[in-house]
């Protein structure tokens, strides 16, 4: 997921399985399954799966929940060509 912010929402992201690399203005941090990260309002982040073979699953909670509407302005990614 390319660089983005969560609008007026804070985000809590839990890695359910696999690993996820989160990059913010302080650099990248790799989160393992069972790890939780909090992203503040206005914080710009990007996420990626550092593995070519192991999928990653995330659980994300947004408060206030208006972030879902914020997603509608994001470009559509064509995943048929491979990993995005």
C-alpha atoms as a PDB file:
ATOM      1  CA  UNK A   1       0.000   0.000   0.000  1.00  0.00           C
ATOM      2  CA  UNK A   2       1.656   3.201  -1.149  1.00  0.00           C
ATOM      3  CA  UNK A   3       2.225   6.265   0.991  1.00  0.00           C
ATOM      4  CA  UNK A   4      -1.006   7.592   2.452  1.00  0.00           C
ATOM      5  CA  UNK A   5      -2.578   9.115   5.527  1.00  0.00           C
ATOM      6  CA  UNK A   6      -5.812   8.224   7.283  1.00  0.00           C
ATOM      7  CA  UNK A   7      -7.548  11.569   7.020  1.00  0.00           C
ATOM      8  CA  UNK A   8      -9.066  12.567  10.350  1.00  0.00           C
ATOM      9  CA  UNK A   9      -8.806   9.016  11.733  1.00  0.00           C
ATOM     10  CA  UNK A  10      -6.273   7.320  13.971  1.00  0.00           C
ATOM     11  CA  UNK A  11      -5.453   3.772  12.901  1.00  0.00           C
ATOM     12  CA  UNK A  12      -4.656   0.689  14.946  1.00  0.00           C
ATOM     13  CA  UNK A  13      -3.177  -2.058  12.788  1.00  0.00           C
ATOM     14  CA  UNK A  14      -2.596  -5.593  14.090  1.00  0.00           C
ATOM     15  CA  UNK A  15      -0.567  -8.094  12.082  1.00  0.00           C
ATOM     16  CA  UNK A  16      -2.571 -11.336  12.227  1.00  0.00           C
ATOM     17  CA  UNK A  17      -0.158 -13.448  10.168  1.00  0.00           C
ATOM     18  CA  UNK A  18       2.993 -12.943   8.145  1.00  0.00           C
ATOM     19  CA  UNK A  19       5.103  -9.801   8.334  1.00  0.00           C
ATOM     20  CA  UNK A  20       4.468  -6.207   7.258  1.00  0.00           C
ATOM     21  CA  UNK A  21       6.956  -3.412   6.724  1.00  0.00           C
ATOM     22  CA  UNK A  22       5.578  -0.033   7.810  1.00  0.00           C
ATOM     23  CA  UNK A  23       7.450   3.070   6.671  1.00  0.00           C
ATOM     24  CA  UNK A  24       6.886   6.508   8.180  1.00  0.00           C
ATOM     25  CA  UNK A  25       9.012   9.664   8.369  1.00  0.00           C
ATOM     26  CA  UNK A  26      11.376   7.865  10.779  1.00  0.00           C
ATOM     27  CA  UNK A  27      12.047   5.000   8.360  1.00  0.00           C
ATOM     28  CA  UNK A  28      10.905   1.390   7.996  1.00  0.00           C
ATOM     29  CA  UNK A  29       9.892  -0.966  10.811  1.00  0.00           C
ATOM     30  CA  UNK A  30       9.056  -4.629  10.225  1.00  0.00           C
ATOM     31  CA  UNK A  31       6.101  -5.915  12.233  1.00  0.00           C
ATOM     32  CA  UNK A  32       5.684  -9.633  12.913  1.00  0.00           C
ATOM     33  CA  UNK A  33       2.439 -11.508  13.557  1.00  0.00           C
ATOM     34  CA  UNK A  34       1.003 -10.479  16.928  1.00  0.00           C
ATOM     35  CA  UNK A  35       2.391  -6.936  16.704  1.00  0.00           C
ATOM     36  CA  UNK A  36       0.161  -3.857  16.893  1.00  0.00           C
ATOM     37  CA  UNK A  37       0.982  -0.388  15.545  1.00  0.00           C
ATOM     38  CA  UNK A  38      -0.857   2.906  16.071  1.00  0.00           C
ATOM     39  CA  UNK A  39      -0.825   5.558  13.342  1.00  0.00           C
ATOM     40  CA  UNK A  40      -1.712   9.098  14.358  1.00  0.00           C
ATOM     41  CA  UNK A  41      -4.026  11.509  12.553  1.00  0.00           C
ATOM     42  CA  UNK A  42      -2.127  13.031   9.630  1.00  0.00           C
ATOM     43  CA  UNK A  43       0.807  10.599   9.854  1.00  0.00           C
ATOM     44  CA  UNK A  44       1.905   9.483   6.380  1.00  0.00           C
ATOM     45  CA  UNK A  45       2.778   5.802   6.120  1.00  0.00           C
ATOM     46  CA  UNK A  46       3.254   3.070   3.557  1.00  0.00           C
ATOM     47  CA  UNK A  47       2.903  -0.665   4.081  1.00  0.00           C
ATOM     48  CA  UNK A  48       4.313  -3.608   2.187  1.00  0.00           C
ATOM     49  CA  UNK A  49       4.728  -7.329   2.572  1.00  0.00           C
ATOM     50  CA  UNK A  50       8.500  -7.999   2.597  1.00  0.00           C
ATOM     51  CA  UNK A  51       7.964 -11.665   1.641  1.00  0.00           C
ATOM     52  CA  UNK A  52       7.557 -12.945  -1.904  1.00  0.00           C
ATOM     53  CA  UNK A  53       6.058 -16.224  -0.681  1.00  0.00           C
ATOM     54  CA  UNK A  54       4.213 -15.662   2.617  1.00  0.00           C
ATOM     55  CA  UNK A  55       0.959 -13.673   2.605  1.00  0.00           C
ATOM     56  CA  UNK A  56       0.289 -11.143   5.346  1.00  0.00           C
ATOM     57  CA  UNK A  57      -3.061 -10.530   7.036  1.00  0.00           C
ATOM     58  CA  UNK A  58      -3.906  -7.334   8.907  1.00  0.00           C
ATOM     59  CA  UNK A  59      -6.734  -6.212  11.141  1.00  0.00           C
ATOM     60  CA  UNK A  60      -7.241  -2.444  11.044  1.00  0.00           C
ATOM     61  CA  UNK A  61      -9.452  -0.290  13.277  1.00  0.00           C
ATOM     62  CA  UNK A  62     -10.056   3.398  12.518  1.00  0.00           C
ATOM     63  CA  UNK A  63     -11.392   6.032  14.895  1.00  0.00           C
ATOM     64  CA  UNK A  64     -13.383   7.982  14.004  1.00  0.00           C
ATOM     65  CA  UNK A  65     -14.500   5.563  11.286  1.00  0.00           C
ATOM     66  CA  UNK A  66     -14.562   8.129   8.445  1.00  0.00           C
ATOM     67  CA  UNK A  67     -11.417   6.633   6.896  1.00  0.00           C
ATOM     68  CA  UNK A  68     -13.526   4.282   4.776  1.00  0.00           C
ATOM     69  CA  UNK A  69     -14.871   7.257   2.816  1.00  0.00           C
ATOM     70  CA  UNK A  70     -11.279   8.557   2.507  1.00  0.00           C
ATOM     71  CA  UNK A  71     -10.394   5.323   0.637  1.00  0.00           C
ATOM     72  CA  UNK A  72     -12.822   6.153  -2.167  1.00  0.00           C
ATOM     73  CA  UNK A  73     -10.374   8.791  -3.446  1.00  0.00           C
ATOM     74  CA  UNK A  74      -7.529   6.247  -3.765  1.00  0.00           C
ATOM     75  CA  UNK A  75      -6.565   4.882  -7.196  1.00  0.00           C
ATOM     76  CA  UNK A  76      -7.591   1.334  -8.076  1.00  0.00           C
ATOM     77  CA  UNK A  77      -4.637  -1.092  -8.149  1.00  0.00           C
ATOM     78  CA  UNK A  78      -4.585  -3.837 -10.790  1.00  0.00           C
ATOM     79  CA  UNK A  79      -3.189  -6.856  -8.921  1.00  0.00           C
ATOM     80  CA  UNK A  80      -3.507  -9.203 -11.920  1.00  0.00           C
ATOM     81  CA  UNK A  81       0.024  -8.270 -13.024  1.00  0.00           C
ATOM     82  CA  UNK A  82       1.603  -9.556  -9.779  1.00  0.00           C
ATOM     83  CA  UNK A  83       2.278  -8.181  -6.319  1.00  0.00           C
ATOM     84  CA  UNK A  84       1.268  -4.594  -5.726  1.00  0.00           C
END
